[in-house]
C-alpha atoms as a PDB file:
ATOM      1  CA  UNK A   1      16.728  83.269-117.855  1.00  0.00           C
ATOM      2  CA  UNK A   2      19.754  81.692-116.192  1.00  0.00           C
ATOM      3  CA  UNK A   3      23.274  81.295-117.569  1.00  0.00           C
ATOM      4  CA  UNK A   4      24.461  77.919-116.254  1.00  0.00           C
ATOM      5  CA  UNK A   5      24.457  76.546-119.813  1.00  0.00           C
ATOM      6  CA  UNK A   6      25.321  79.780-121.605  1.00  0.00           C
ATOM      7  CA  UNK A   7      27.141  79.105-124.865  1.00  0.00           C
ATOM      8  CA  UNK A   8      26.156  75.446-125.032  1.00  0.00           C
ATOM      9  CA  UNK A   9      24.061  73.791-127.732  1.00  0.00           C
ATOM     10  CA  UNK A  10      21.653  70.909-127.104  1.00  0.00           C
ATOM     11  CA  UNK A  11      19.575  68.422-129.056  1.00  0.00           C
ATOM     12  CA  UNK A  12      16.617  66.966-127.165  1.00  0.00           C
ATOM     13  CA  UNK A  13      14.843  64.093-128.878  1.00  0.00           C
ATOM     14  CA  UNK A  14      11.127  63.617-128.342  1.00  0.00           C
ATOM     15  CA  UNK A  15      10.750  67.192-127.153  1.00  0.00           C
ATOM     16  CA  UNK A  16       7.514  68.194-128.868  1.00  0.00           C
ATOM     17  CA  UNK A  17       5.557  67.560-125.630  1.00  0.00           C
ATOM     18  CA  UNK A  18       5.702  66.059-122.156  1.00  0.00           C
ATOM     19  CA  UNK A  19       8.988  65.432-120.368  1.00  0.00           C
ATOM     20  CA  UNK A  20      11.036  66.216-123.465  1.00  0.00           C
ATOM     21  CA  UNK A  21       9.441  69.623-123.916  1.00  0.00           C
ATOM     22  CA  UNK A  22      10.069  70.336-120.237  1.00  0.00           C
ATOM     23  CA  UNK A  23      13.742  69.418-120.643  1.00  0.00           C
ATOM     24  CA  UNK A  24      14.102  71.575-123.752  1.00  0.00           C
ATOM     25  CA  UNK A  25      12.480  74.595-122.095  1.00  0.00           C
ATOM     26  CA  UNK A  26      14.623  74.274-118.986  1.00  0.00           C
ATOM     27  CA  UNK A  27      17.878  73.939-120.921  1.00  0.00           C
ATOM     28  CA  UNK A  28      16.958  77.023-122.937  1.00  0.00           C
ATOM     29  CA  UNK A  29      16.066  78.920-119.767  1.00  0.00           C
ATOM     30  CA  UNK A  30      19.605  78.211-118.535  1.00  0.00           C
ATOM     31  CA  UNK A  31      21.122  79.703-121.685  1.00  0.00           C
ATOM     32  CA  UNK A  32      21.537  76.751-124.039  1.00  0.00           C
ATOM     33  CA  UNK A  33      20.541  76.916-127.685  1.00  0.00           C
ATOM     34  CA  UNK A  34      18.187  73.977-128.256  1.00  0.00           C
ATOM     35  CA  UNK A  35      17.133  71.882-131.223  1.00  0.00           C
ATOM     36  CA  UNK A  36      13.630  70.630-130.471  1.00  0.00           C
ATOM     37  CA  UNK A  37      12.905  67.384-132.300  1.00  0.00           C
ATOM     38  CA  UNK A  38      10.170  64.855-132.855  1.00  0.00           C
ATOM     39  CA  UNK A  39       7.620  63.683-135.364  1.00  0.00           C
ATOM     40  CA  UNK A  40       4.815  66.157-134.574  1.00  0.00           C
ATOM     41  CA  UNK A  41       5.695  69.266-136.531  1.00  0.00           C
ATOM     42  CA  UNK A  42       2.938  71.537-135.244  1.00  0.00           C
ATOM     43  CA  UNK A  43       3.703  70.770-131.613  1.00  0.00           C
ATOM     44  CA  UNK A  44       7.458  70.999-132.139  1.00  0.00           C
ATOM     45  CA  UNK A  45       7.251  74.356-133.847  1.00  0.00           C
ATOM     46  CA  UNK A  46       5.013  75.637-131.053  1.00  0.00           C
ATOM     47  CA  UNK A  47       7.467  74.492-128.356  1.00  0.00           C
ATOM     48  CA  UNK A  48      10.404  76.121-130.149  1.00  0.00           C
ATOM     49  CA  UNK A  49       8.461  79.339-130.796  1.00  0.00           C
ATOM     50  CA  UNK A  50       7.486  79.620-127.129  1.00  0.00           C
ATOM     51  CA  UNK A  51      11.121  79.221-126.099  1.00  0.00           C
ATOM     52  CA  UNK A  52      12.187  81.968-128.492  1.00  0.00           C
ATOM     53  CA  UNK A  53       9.379  84.215-127.250  1.00  0.00           C
ATOM     54  CA  UNK A  54      10.678  83.709-123.713  1.00  0.00           C
ATOM     55  CA  UNK A  55      14.096  84.972-124.777  1.00  0.00           C
ATOM     56  CA  UNK A  56      15.768  81.676-125.607  1.00  0.00           C
ATOM     57  CA  UNK A  57      17.314  80.249-128.764  1.00  0.00           C
ATOM     58  CA  UNK A  58      15.563  77.292-130.329  1.00  0.00           C
ATOM     59  CA  UNK A  59      14.598  75.676-133.609  1.00  0.00           C
ATOM     60  CA  UNK A  60      12.474  72.675-134.460  1.00  0.00           C
ATOM     61  CA  UNK A  61      13.839  69.790-136.523  1.00  0.00           C
ATOM     62  CA  UNK A  62      11.373  67.084-137.628  1.00  0.00           C
ATOM     63  CA  UNK A  63      12.868  63.731-136.636  1.00  0.00           C
ATOM     64  CA  UNK A  64      11.736  60.137-136.933  1.00  0.00           C
ATOM     65  CA  UNK A  65      14.249  58.114-134.924  1.00  0.00           C
ATOM     66  CA  UNK A  66      13.501  55.016-136.989  1.00  0.00           C
ATOM     67  CA  UNK A  67      15.276  56.746-139.894  1.00  0.00           C
ATOM     68  CA  UNK A  68      19.102  56.739-139.584  1.00  0.00           C
ATOM     69  CA  UNK A  69      19.443  59.789-141.824  1.00  0.00           C
ATOM     70  CA  UNK A  70      16.965  61.721-139.674  1.00  0.00           C
ATOM     71  CA  UNK A  71      19.128  60.957-136.626  1.00  0.00           C
ATOM     72  CA  UNK A  72      22.187  62.309-138.406  1.00  0.00           C
ATOM     73  CA  UNK A  73      20.247  65.304-139.687  1.00  0.00           C
ATOM     74  CA  UNK A  74      19.071  66.480-136.263  1.00  0.00           C
ATOM     75  CA  UNK A  75      22.645  66.570-134.983  1.00  0.00           C
ATOM     76  CA  UNK A  76      23.851  68.367-138.115  1.00  0.00           C
ATOM     77  CA  UNK A  77      21.099  70.936-137.604  1.00  0.00           C
ATOM     78  CA  UNK A  78      22.622  71.882-134.253  1.00  0.00           C
ATOM     79  CA  UNK A  79      25.955  72.588-135.908  1.00  0.00           C
ATOM     80  CA  UNK A  80      24.457  74.422-138.870  1.00  0.00           C
ATOM     81  CA  UNK A  81      22.119  76.549-136.784  1.00  0.00           C
ATOM     82  CA  UNK A  82      24.161  77.184-133.642  1.00  0.00           C
ATOM     83  CA  UNK A  83      27.755  76.297-134.521  1.00  0.00           C
ATOM     84  CA  UNK A  84      28.187  72.959-132.776  1.00  0.00           C
ATOM     85  CA  UNK A  85      26.797  70.520-130.261  1.00  0.00           C
ATOM     86  CA  UNK A  86      27.555  70.063-126.549  1.00  0.00           C
ATOM     87  CA  UNK A  87      24.555  68.180-125.178  1.00  0.00           C
ATOM     88  CA  UNK A  88      22.489  65.289-126.522  1.00  0.00           C
ATOM     89  CA  UNK A  89      19.443  64.245-124.521  1.00  0.00           C
ATOM     90  CA  UNK A  90      18.079  60.925-125.751  1.00  0.00           C
ATOM     91  CA  UNK A  91      14.564  61.316-124.392  1.00  0.00           C
ATOM     92  CA  UNK A  92      12.273  60.003-127.137  1.00  0.00           C
ATOM     93  CA  UNK A  93      10.488  56.761-126.327  1.00  0.00           C
ATOM     94  CA  UNK A  94       7.341  54.801-127.026  1.00  0.00           C
ATOM     95  CA  UNK A  95       5.649  52.822-124.287  1.00  0.00           C
ATOM     96  CA  UNK A  96       2.587  50.878-125.485  1.00  0.00           C
ATOM     97  CA  UNK A  97       1.466  48.011-123.262  1.00  0.00           C
ATOM     98  CA  UNK A  98       0.626  44.442-124.082  1.00  0.00           C
ATOM     99  CA  UNK A  99       0.786  41.067-122.354  1.00  0.00           C
ATOM    100  CA  UNK A 100       4.034  39.127-122.749  1.00  0.00           C
ATOM    101  CA  UNK A 101       2.469  36.371-124.847  1.00  0.00           C
ATOM    102  CA  UNK A 102       0.931  38.975-127.155  1.00  0.00           C
ATOM    103  CA  UNK A 103       4.221  40.701-127.976  1.00  0.00           C
ATOM    104  CA  UNK A 104       4.655  40.307-131.732  1.00  0.00           C
ATOM    105  CA  UNK A 105       7.951  40.685-133.610  1.00  0.00           C
ATOM    106  CA  UNK A 106       6.579  43.931-135.041  1.00  0.00           C
ATOM    107  CA  UNK A 107       5.696  45.277-131.572  1.00  0.00           C
ATOM    108  CA  UNK A 108       9.135  44.285-130.276  1.00  0.00           C
ATOM    109  CA  UNK A 109      10.945  45.889-133.215  1.00  0.00           C
ATOM    110  CA  UNK A 110       9.023  49.165-132.864  1.00  0.00           C
ATOM    111  CA  UNK A 111       9.910  49.380-129.167  1.00  0.00           C
ATOM    112  CA  UNK A 112      13.602  48.690-129.716  1.00  0.00           C
ATOM    113  CA  UNK A 113      13.833  50.812-132.875  1.00  0.00           C
ATOM    114  CA  UNK A 114      12.743  53.974-131.078  1.00  0.00           C
ATOM    115  CA  UNK A 115      13.856  53.424-127.487  1.00  0.00           C
ATOM    116  CA  UNK A 116      17.269  51.881-128.132  1.00  0.00           C
ATOM    117  CA  UNK A 117      18.297  52.007-131.780  1.00  0.00           C
ATOM    118  CA  UNK A 118      17.263  55.650-132.123  1.00  0.00           C
ATOM    119  CA  UNK A 119      19.347  56.628-129.088  1.00  0.00           C
ATOM    120  CA  UNK A 120      22.295  54.689-130.510  1.00  0.00           C
ATOM    121  CA  UNK A 121      21.987  56.368-133.919  1.00  0.00           C
ATOM    122  CA  UNK A 122      21.732  59.848-132.411  1.00  0.00           C
ATOM    123  CA  UNK A 123      24.697  59.189-130.131  1.00  0.00           C
ATOM    124  CA  UNK A 124      26.741  57.910-133.051  1.00  0.00           C
ATOM    125  CA  UNK A 125      25.860  61.009-135.072  1.00  0.00           C
ATOM    126  CA  UNK A 126      26.573  63.352-132.162  1.00  0.00           C
ATOM    127  CA  UNK A 127      30.007  62.057-131.138  1.00  0.00           C
ATOM    128  CA  UNK A 128      32.063  63.568-134.006  1.00  0.00           C
ATOM    129  CA  UNK A 129      30.457  66.973-133.393  1.00  0.00           C
ATOM    130  CA  UNK A 130      30.961  66.690-129.633  1.00  0.00           C
ATOM    131  CA  UNK A 131      34.621  65.850-130.246  1.00  0.00           C
ATOM    132  CA  UNK A 132      34.984  69.057-132.255  1.00  0.00           C
ATOM    133  CA  UNK A 133      33.927  70.958-129.113  1.00  0.00           C
ATOM    134  CA  UNK A 134      36.439  69.133-126.935  1.00  0.00           C
ATOM    135  CA  UNK A 135      33.842  67.001-125.183  1.00  0.00           C
ATOM    136  CA  UNK A 136      30.227  67.103-124.141  1.00  0.00           C
ATOM    137  CA  UNK A 137      27.363  65.356-122.435  1.00  0.00           C
ATOM    138  CA  UNK A 138      25.088  62.530-123.555  1.00  0.00           C
ATOM    139  CA  UNK A 139      22.104  62.117-121.238  1.00  0.00           C
ATOM    140  CA  UNK A 140      19.913  59.057-121.654  1.00  0.00           C
ATOM    141  CA  UNK A 141      16.445  59.277-120.167  1.00  0.00           C
ATOM    142  CA  UNK A 142      15.734  55.947-118.552  1.00  0.00           C
ATOM    143  CA  UNK A 143      13.038  54.384-116.426  1.00  0.00           C
ATOM    144  CA  UNK A 144      12.653  52.415-113.249  1.00  0.00           C
ATOM    145  CA  UNK A 145      11.040  49.757-115.442  1.00  0.00           C
ATOM    146  CA  UNK A 146      14.534  48.855-116.644  1.00  0.00           C
ATOM    147  CA  UNK A 147      15.184  47.117-113.328  1.00  0.00           C
ATOM    148  CA  UNK A 148      11.938  45.177-113.026  1.00  0.00           C
ATOM    149  CA  UNK A 149       8.533  45.828-114.490  1.00  0.00           C
ATOM    150  CA  UNK A 150       5.015  44.530-114.966  1.00  0.00           C
ATOM    151  CA  UNK A 151       4.099  41.959-117.589  1.00  0.00           C
ATOM    152  CA  UNK A 152       2.349  44.495-119.800  1.00  0.00           C
ATOM    153  CA  UNK A 153       5.469  46.666-119.862  1.00  0.00           C
ATOM    154  CA  UNK A 154       7.888  43.812-120.522  1.00  0.00           C
ATOM    155  CA  UNK A 155       9.115  44.995-123.933  1.00  0.00           C
ATOM    156  CA  UNK A 156       9.414  48.582-122.723  1.00  0.00           C
ATOM    157  CA  UNK A 157      11.380  47.512-119.654  1.00  0.00           C
ATOM    158  CA  UNK A 158      13.775  45.471-121.773  1.00  0.00           C
ATOM    159  CA  UNK A 159      14.321  48.393-124.156  1.00  0.00           C
ATOM    160  CA  UNK A 160      15.172  50.682-121.255  1.00  0.00           C
ATOM    161  CA  UNK A 161      17.387  48.067-119.632  1.00  0.00           C
ATOM    162  CA  UNK A 162      19.362  47.852-122.861  1.00  0.00           C
ATOM    163  CA  UNK A 163      19.594  51.656-122.935  1.00  0.00           C
ATOM    164  CA  UNK A 164      21.055  51.561-119.421  1.00  0.00           C
ATOM    165  CA  UNK A 165      23.764  49.117-120.529  1.00  0.00           C
ATOM    166  CA  UNK A 166      24.475  51.248-123.584  1.00  0.00           C
ATOM    167  CA  UNK A 167      24.886  54.306-121.360  1.00  0.00           C
ATOM    168  CA  UNK A 168      27.497  52.617-119.201  1.00  0.00           C
ATOM    169  CA  UNK A 169      29.430  51.376-122.220  1.00  0.00           C
ATOM    170  CA  UNK A 170      29.322  54.824-123.835  1.00  0.00           C
ATOM    171  CA  UNK A 171      30.682  56.325-120.620  1.00  0.00           C
ATOM    172  CA  UNK A 172      33.625  53.948-120.712  1.00  0.00           C
ATOM    173  CA  UNK A 173      34.579  54.251-124.378  1.00  0.00           C
ATOM    174  CA  UNK A 174      34.039  58.019-124.665  1.00  0.00           C
ATOM    175  CA  UNK A 175      35.836  59.082-121.486  1.00  0.00           C
ATOM    176  CA  UNK A 176      39.115  59.776-123.347  1.00  0.00           C
ATOM    177  CA  UNK A 177      37.196  62.261-125.504  1.00  0.00           C
ATOM    178  CA  UNK A 178      35.789  63.981-122.401  1.00  0.00           C
ATOM    179  CA  UNK A 179      32.334  63.012-123.616  1.00  0.00           C
ATOM    180  CA  UNK A 180      30.277  62.033-120.609  1.00  0.00           C
ATOM    181  CA  UNK A 181      27.338  59.604-120.720  1.00  0.00           C
ATOM    182  CA  UNK A 182      24.846  59.461-117.874  1.00  0.00           C
ATOM    183  CA  UNK A 183      21.457  57.963-117.152  1.00  0.00           C
ATOM    184  CA  UNK A 184      18.423  59.472-115.438  1.00  0.00           C
ATOM    185  CA  UNK A 185      15.961  57.069-113.841  1.00  0.00           C
ATOM    186  CA  UNK A 186      12.486  58.485-114.397  1.00  0.00           C
ATOM    187  CA  UNK A 187       9.699  57.375-112.106  1.00  0.00           C
ATOM    188  CA  UNK A 188       5.992  57.888-112.611  1.00  0.00           C
ATOM    189  CA  UNK A 189       5.289  61.222-114.290  1.00  0.00           C
ATOM    190  CA  UNK A 190       1.718  62.199-115.129  1.00  0.00           C
ATOM    191  CA  UNK A 191       2.129  63.802-118.523  1.00  0.00           C
ATOM    192  CA  UNK A 192      -0.901  64.170-120.765  1.00  0.00           C
ATOM    193  CA  UNK A 193       0.344  61.191-122.754  1.00  0.00           C
ATOM    194  CA  UNK A 194       0.470  59.101-119.581  1.00  0.00           C
ATOM    195  CA  UNK A 195      -3.124  60.069-118.792  1.00  0.00           C
ATOM    196  CA  UNK A 196      -4.094  58.917-122.293  1.00  0.00           C
ATOM    197  CA  UNK A 197      -2.309  55.586-121.904  1.00  0.00           C
ATOM    198  CA  UNK A 198      -3.840  55.000-118.477  1.00  0.00           C
ATOM    199  CA  UNK A 199      -7.314  55.776-119.837  1.00  0.00           C
ATOM    200  CA  UNK A 200      -6.878  52.917-122.319  1.00  0.00           C
ATOM    201  CA  UNK A 201      -5.933  50.708-119.363  1.00  0.00           C
ATOM    202  CA  UNK A 202      -9.197  51.688-117.643  1.00  0.00           C
ATOM    203  CA  UNK A 203      -7.803  54.266-115.203  1.00  0.00           C
ATOM    204  CA  UNK A 204      -9.384  57.714-115.386  1.00  0.00           C
ATOM    205  CA  UNK A 205      -7.652  60.958-114.423  1.00  0.00           C
ATOM    206  CA  UNK A 206      -9.012  61.085-110.883  1.00  0.00           C
ATOM    207  CA  UNK A 207      -8.008  57.486-110.236  1.00  0.00           C
ATOM    208  CA  UNK A 208      -4.465  58.342-111.235  1.00  0.00           C
ATOM    209  CA  UNK A 209      -4.364  61.439-109.068  1.00  0.00           C
ATOM    210  CA  UNK A 210      -5.687  59.497-106.083  1.00  0.00           C
ATOM    211  CA  UNK A 211      -3.005  56.841-106.568  1.00  0.00           C
ATOM    212  CA  UNK A 212      -0.303  59.318-105.544  1.00  0.00           C
ATOM    213  CA  UNK A 213      -0.927  58.553-101.879  1.00  0.00           C
ATOM    214  CA  UNK A 214       0.307  54.982-102.395  1.00  0.00           C
ATOM    215  CA  UNK A 215       3.654  56.028-103.903  1.00  0.00           C
ATOM    216  CA  UNK A 216       6.847  56.010-101.790  1.00  0.00           C
ATOM    217  CA  UNK A 217       6.967  59.799-101.319  1.00  0.00           C
ATOM    218  CA  UNK A 218       3.211  60.227-101.582  1.00  0.00           C
ATOM    219  CA  UNK A 219       3.447  62.054-104.883  1.00  0.00           C
ATOM    220  CA  UNK A 220       4.363  61.632-108.514  1.00  0.00           C
ATOM    221  CA  UNK A 221       7.620  62.842-110.010  1.00  0.00           C
ATOM    222  CA  UNK A 222       7.410  65.810-112.397  1.00  0.00           C
ATOM    223  CA  UNK A 223       8.942  66.792-115.736  1.00  0.00           C
ATOM    224  CA  UNK A 224      10.796  69.523-113.849  1.00  0.00           C
ATOM    225  CA  UNK A 225      12.558  66.892-111.716  1.00  0.00           C
ATOM    226  CA  UNK A 226      13.950  65.284-114.851  1.00  0.00           C
ATOM    227  CA  UNK A 227      14.762  68.622-116.471  1.00  0.00           C
ATOM    228  CA  UNK A 228      16.761  69.860-113.490  1.00  0.00           C
ATOM    229  CA  UNK A 229      18.780  66.636-113.451  1.00  0.00           C
ATOM    230  CA  UNK A 230      19.530  67.243-117.130  1.00  0.00           C
ATOM    231  CA  UNK A 231      20.693  70.777-116.386  1.00  0.00           C
ATOM    232  CA  UNK A 232      23.181  69.494-113.826  1.00  0.00           C
ATOM    233  CA  UNK A 233      24.506  66.671-116.026  1.00  0.00           C
ATOM    234  CA  UNK A 234      24.783  68.980-119.039  1.00  0.00           C
ATOM    235  CA  UNK A 235      26.817  71.634-117.274  1.00  0.00           C
ATOM    236  CA  UNK A 236      30.401  72.161-116.213  1.00  0.00           C
ATOM    237  CA  UNK A 237      29.675  71.325-112.570  1.00  0.00           C
ATOM    238  CA  UNK A 238      29.350  67.718-113.759  1.00  0.00           C
ATOM    239  CA  UNK A 239      32.577  67.807-115.796  1.00  0.00           C
ATOM    240  CA  UNK A 240      33.845  64.596-114.170  1.00  0.00           C
ATOM    241  CA  UNK A 241      30.477  62.859-113.799  1.00  0.00           C
ATOM    242  CA  UNK A 242      30.096  59.980-116.220  1.00  0.00           C
ATOM    243  CA  UNK A 243      28.603  56.508-116.011  1.00  0.00           C
ATOM    244  CA  UNK A 244      26.299  57.743-113.265  1.00  0.00           C
ATOM    245  CA  UNK A 245      22.644  57.171-112.404  1.00  0.00           C
ATOM    246  CA  UNK A 246      20.516  60.064-111.207  1.00  0.00           C
ATOM    247  CA  UNK A 247      17.205  58.822-109.840  1.00  0.00           C
ATOM    248  CA  UNK A 248      14.407  61.399-110.086  1.00  0.00           C
ATOM    249  CA  UNK A 249      11.672  58.836-109.368  1.00  0.00           C
ATOM    250  CA  UNK A 250      10.446  60.099-105.982  1.00  0.00           C
ATOM    251  CA  UNK A 251      11.345  56.762-104.425  1.00  0.00           C
ATOM    252  CA  UNK A 252      10.613  54.517-107.420  1.00  0.00           C
ATOM    253  CA  UNK A 253      13.209  52.729-109.521  1.00  0.00           C
ATOM    254  CA  UNK A 254      15.602  52.025-106.663  1.00  0.00           C
ATOM    255  CA  UNK A 255      17.750  48.936-107.194  1.00  0.00           C
ATOM    256  CA  UNK A 256      20.892  47.418-105.725  1.00  0.00           C
END
C-alpha cells in the first residue's frame, strides 16, 4: 500500500471490471477510499471486497448512468461512507460497433447517454461535494477514437470527442473552485470485454495478440498505464494541472 492519495476519496464509474477495476484498485493501493460503481452487482461487490481484503477502503454502489438519480446517489455515497469526495473518474463507457448507415436513433442515444450524458451527470453531482473539500480532480477517460476512428466506431468516436470538449470546458469553468478536469487518451487495451467484442468482429484471441507487432510501440497499452495516469492526476503533485491530455496509448491517439 502506498500513501500518495492518503485521505482522499474517489468515485470510479464503470469499475466492476476491466480498466475501471484496475483504476479503482490502484487508487485504493495509494491510500484513497474508493466507491466502486457499475451495473453488475456481483462483480462490483467482488472488486470492492478484494480491495478491502488487500488493506484498502472500498464499497460498491450499484449505478446505472442512464439514471440521473443514480448518478447523484453514487456521489452522495462517497460523502456518506467516507466523509466527502476528492476524485471523480468518469470511466464508464459502452462501445458497440455498427456501420454508419446502420446507426439508429436508439443506438446513438444509448452511446451518448452512457459515454457523455452519464459523465456530465456525475460531474454535476460531484462538483458541490468537491467544493466542500476546497477543490478536487475530475478525470475523464477518453479514447484515441475521439480524434479519428473507423466507420464501425463512428458513434463511439463522436461520444468520446464530445467528452473531450466537455473536459476542456469543465477545466475552464471550475478552475476558480480549484477543481481540475483532465482527459486521459486510452489506446488499445486488451481487456476481457475487448476480447469478447473482437470475437464478434471475427478476431480470435490469438489474432489479437499477434496484432501487437503492428502497433506503434509493438505492444498494447494496459489498464495499469491508465491507472497510473489517474493516480498522478488525482494527487497533489498535479495541483495545477487542468485542461490537460495524458496519452497512455503506446503511440496511438496522437493528434495535432
